[in-house]
C-alpha atoms as a PDB file:
ATOM      1  CA  MET A   1      -0.007   0.001   0.019  1.00  0.00           C
ATOM      2  CA  LYS A   2       2.832   2.410   0.769  1.00  0.00           C
ATOM      3  CA  ILE A   3       4.373   1.831  -2.665  1.00  0.00           C
ATOM      4  CA  LEU A   4       1.135   2.739  -4.438  1.00  0.00           C
ATOM      5  CA  LEU A   5       0.876   5.933  -2.426  1.00  0.00           C
ATOM      6  CA  TYR A   6       4.459   6.806  -3.249  1.00  0.00           C
ATOM      7  CA  ILE A   7       3.853   6.293  -6.958  1.00  0.00           C
ATOM      8  CA  LYS A   8       0.821   8.524  -6.862  1.00  0.00           C
ATOM      9  CA  ILE A   9       2.845  11.276  -5.210  1.00  0.00           C
ATOM     10  CA  LYS A  10       5.658  10.954  -7.749  1.00  0.00           C
ATOM     11  CA  LYS A  11       3.225  11.349 -10.673  1.00  0.00           C
ATOM     12  CA  GLU A  12       2.354  14.793  -9.356  1.00  0.00           C
ATOM     13  CA  VAL A  13       5.958  15.981  -9.389  1.00  0.00           C
ATOM     14  CA  THR A  14       6.883  18.156 -12.342  1.00  0.00           C
ATOM     15  CA  ASP A  15       9.334  16.561 -14.782  1.00  0.00           C
ATOM     16  CA  MET A  16      10.992  19.851 -15.770  1.00  0.00           C
ATOM     17  CA  PRO A  17      12.730  22.612 -13.903  1.00  0.00           C
ATOM     18  CA  PRO A  18      10.602  25.772 -13.447  1.00  0.00           C
ATOM     19  CA  LEU A  19      10.898  28.606 -15.977  1.00  0.00           C
ATOM     20  CA  ASP A  20      12.709  30.743 -13.358  1.00  0.00           C
ATOM     21  CA  ALA A  21      15.517  28.211 -13.206  1.00  0.00           C
ATOM     22  CA  HIS A  22      16.021  28.370 -16.963  1.00  0.00           C
ATOM     23  CA  LEU A  23      15.907  32.144 -16.982  1.00  0.00           C
ATOM     24  CA  LYS A  24      18.487  32.304 -14.191  1.00  0.00           C
ATOM     25  CA  SER A  25      20.800  29.844 -15.953  1.00  0.00           C
ATOM     26  CA  SER A  26      20.624  31.803 -19.203  1.00  0.00           C
ATOM     27  CA  LYS A  27      21.243  35.082 -17.425  1.00  0.00           C
ATOM     28  CA  GLN A  28      24.332  33.665 -15.691  1.00  0.00           C
ATOM     29  CA  ARG A  29      25.760  32.307 -18.908  1.00  0.00           C
ATOM     30  CA  THR A  30      24.948  35.106 -21.324  1.00  0.00           C
ATOM     31  CA  GLY A  31      23.661  38.122 -19.398  1.00  0.00           C
ATOM     32  CA  LYS A  32      20.292  37.613 -21.075  1.00  0.00           C
ATOM     33  CA  GLU A  33      17.258  35.619 -19.868  1.00  0.00           C
ATOM     34  CA  TYR A  34      15.957  34.513 -23.287  1.00  0.00           C
ATOM     35  CA  GLU A  35      12.450  34.467 -21.789  1.00  0.00           C
ATOM     36  CA  GLU A  36      10.669  34.239 -25.176  1.00  0.00           C
ATOM     37  CA  LEU A  37      12.832  31.262 -26.135  1.00  0.00           C
ATOM     38  CA  HIS A  38      12.176  29.378 -22.869  1.00  0.00           C
ATOM     39  CA  HIS A  39       8.454  30.024 -23.227  1.00  0.00           C
ATOM     40  CA  TRP A  40       8.566  28.603 -26.759  1.00  0.00           C
ATOM     41  CA  ILE A  41      10.365  25.496 -25.502  1.00  0.00           C
ATOM     42  CA  ASP A  42       7.947  24.689 -22.654  1.00  0.00           C
ATOM     43  CA  ASP A  43       4.634  26.527 -22.842  1.00  0.00           C
ATOM     44  CA  ASP A  44       2.796  24.658 -25.607  1.00  0.00           C
ATOM     45  CA  LYS A  45       2.259  21.259 -23.990  1.00  0.00           C
ATOM     46  CA  GLN A  46       1.386  19.630 -27.346  1.00  0.00           C
ATOM     47  CA  LYS A  47       4.571  20.866 -29.032  1.00  0.00           C
ATOM     48  CA  ALA A  48       6.909  20.575 -26.067  1.00  0.00           C
ATOM     49  CA  PRO A  49       7.663  16.879 -26.653  1.00  0.00           C
ATOM     50  CA  GLU A  50       8.697  17.595 -30.264  1.00  0.00           C
ATOM     51  CA  ILE A  51      10.788  20.528 -29.189  1.00  0.00           C
ATOM     52  CA  HIS A  52      12.554  18.390 -26.540  1.00  0.00           C
ATOM     53  CA  ASP A  53      12.934  15.411 -28.907  1.00  0.00           C
ATOM     54  CA  ILE A  54      16.640  14.597 -29.313  1.00  0.00           C
ATOM     55  CA  SER A  55      16.188  13.492 -32.954  1.00  0.00           C
ATOM     56  CA  ARG A  56      14.692  16.921 -33.805  1.00  0.00           C
ATOM     57  CA  ILE A  57      17.340  19.029 -32.088  1.00  0.00           C
ATOM     58  CA  PRO A  58      19.148  19.910 -35.395  1.00  0.00           C
ATOM     59  CA  GLU A  59      15.878  21.020 -36.986  1.00  0.00           C
ATOM     60  CA  ASN A  60      14.908  23.039 -33.898  1.00  0.00           C
ATOM     61  CA  MET A  61      18.378  24.572 -33.722  1.00  0.00           C
ATOM     62  CA  LYS A  62      17.873  26.004 -37.208  1.00  0.00           C
ATOM     63  CA  TYR A  63      14.550  27.512 -36.162  1.00  0.00           C
ATOM     64  CA  VAL A  64      16.017  28.975 -32.978  1.00  0.00           C
ATOM     65  CA  ASN A  65      18.973  30.443 -34.904  1.00  0.00           C
ATOM     66  CA  LYS A  66      16.709  32.088 -37.440  1.00  0.00           C
ATOM     67  CA  LYS A  67      14.313  33.500 -34.789  1.00  0.00           C
ATOM     68  CA  TRP A  68      16.650  34.433 -31.889  1.00  0.00           C
ATOM     69  CA  GLY A  69      20.243  34.155 -33.179  1.00  0.00           C
ATOM     70  CA  GLU A  70      23.309  31.966 -32.673  1.00  0.00           C
ATOM     71  CA  GLU A  71      23.691  32.549 -28.901  1.00  0.00           C
ATOM     72  CA  ALA A  72      20.099  31.434 -28.397  1.00  0.00           C
ATOM     73  CA  VAL A  73      20.923  28.096 -30.057  1.00  0.00           C
ATOM     74  CA  GLN A  74      23.295  27.335 -27.205  1.00  0.00           C
ATOM     75  CA  GLU A  75      20.627  28.312 -24.701  1.00  0.00           C
ATOM     76  CA  PHE A  76      18.070  26.055 -26.432  1.00  0.00           C
ATOM     77  CA  VAL A  77      20.420  23.060 -26.283  1.00  0.00           C
ATOM     78  CA  LEU A  78      21.307  23.753 -22.670  1.00  0.00           C
ATOM     79  CA  HIS A  79      17.598  24.124 -21.742  1.00  0.00           C
ATOM     80  CA  VAL A  80      16.862  20.670 -23.184  1.00  0.00           C
ATOM     81  CA  LYS A  81      19.939  19.278 -21.411  1.00  0.00           C
ATOM     82  CA  GLU A  82      18.803  20.762 -18.065  1.00  0.00           C
ATOM     83  CA  ASP A  83      15.336  19.252 -18.534  1.00  0.00           C
ATOM     84  CA  MET A  84      16.796  15.800 -19.267  1.00  0.00           C
ATOM     85  CA  GLU A  85      19.103  15.963 -16.282  1.00  0.00           C
ATOM     86  CA  HIS A  86      16.166  16.932 -14.104  1.00  0.00           C
ATOM     87  CA  ARG A  87      14.051  14.036 -15.402  1.00  0.00           C
ATOM     88  CA  LEU A  88      16.901  11.575 -14.944  1.00  0.00           C
ATOM     89  CA  LYS A  89      17.465  12.745 -11.378  1.00  0.00           C
ATOM     90  CA  GLU A  90      13.739  12.338 -10.587  1.00  0.00           C
ATOM     91  CA  ASN A  91      13.719   8.856 -12.062  1.00  0.00           C
ATOM     92  CA  LEU A  92      16.793   7.836 -10.056  1.00  0.00           C
ATOM     93  CA  GLN A  93      15.260   9.290  -6.891  1.00  0.00           C
ATOM     94  CA  TYR A  94      12.109   7.273  -7.560  1.00  0.00           C
ATOM     95  CA  PHE A  95      14.155   4.111  -7.385  1.00  0.00           C
ATOM     96  CA  TRP A  96      16.186   5.383  -4.418  1.00  0.00           C
ATOM     97  CA  LEU A  97      19.379   5.498  -6.548  1.00  0.00           C
ATOM     98  CA  PHE A  98      19.917   9.233  -6.130  1.00  0.00           C
ATOM     99  CA  THR A  99      19.274  11.519  -3.176  1.00  0.00           C
END
């Protein structure tokens, strides 16, 4: 019974860092928040899986470069990387492999 309760709680946990974390990371790296870029990456819940899809990163990089410039391409890739690291950490914590 405790395991089922734990699984239910874990399903409610977000699988991505909050927007503020991405804005802060971008600001520290570049001096700019790239708020519009980060909203594009995460806000549309139907498109977000495609935008985060590893196989589509080259295609999405071209779009980002055209819309926001070369520096934003780096921020796009690092945003996706931060999301994946966050998801991996949550999955490892779920199995008590990471604290």
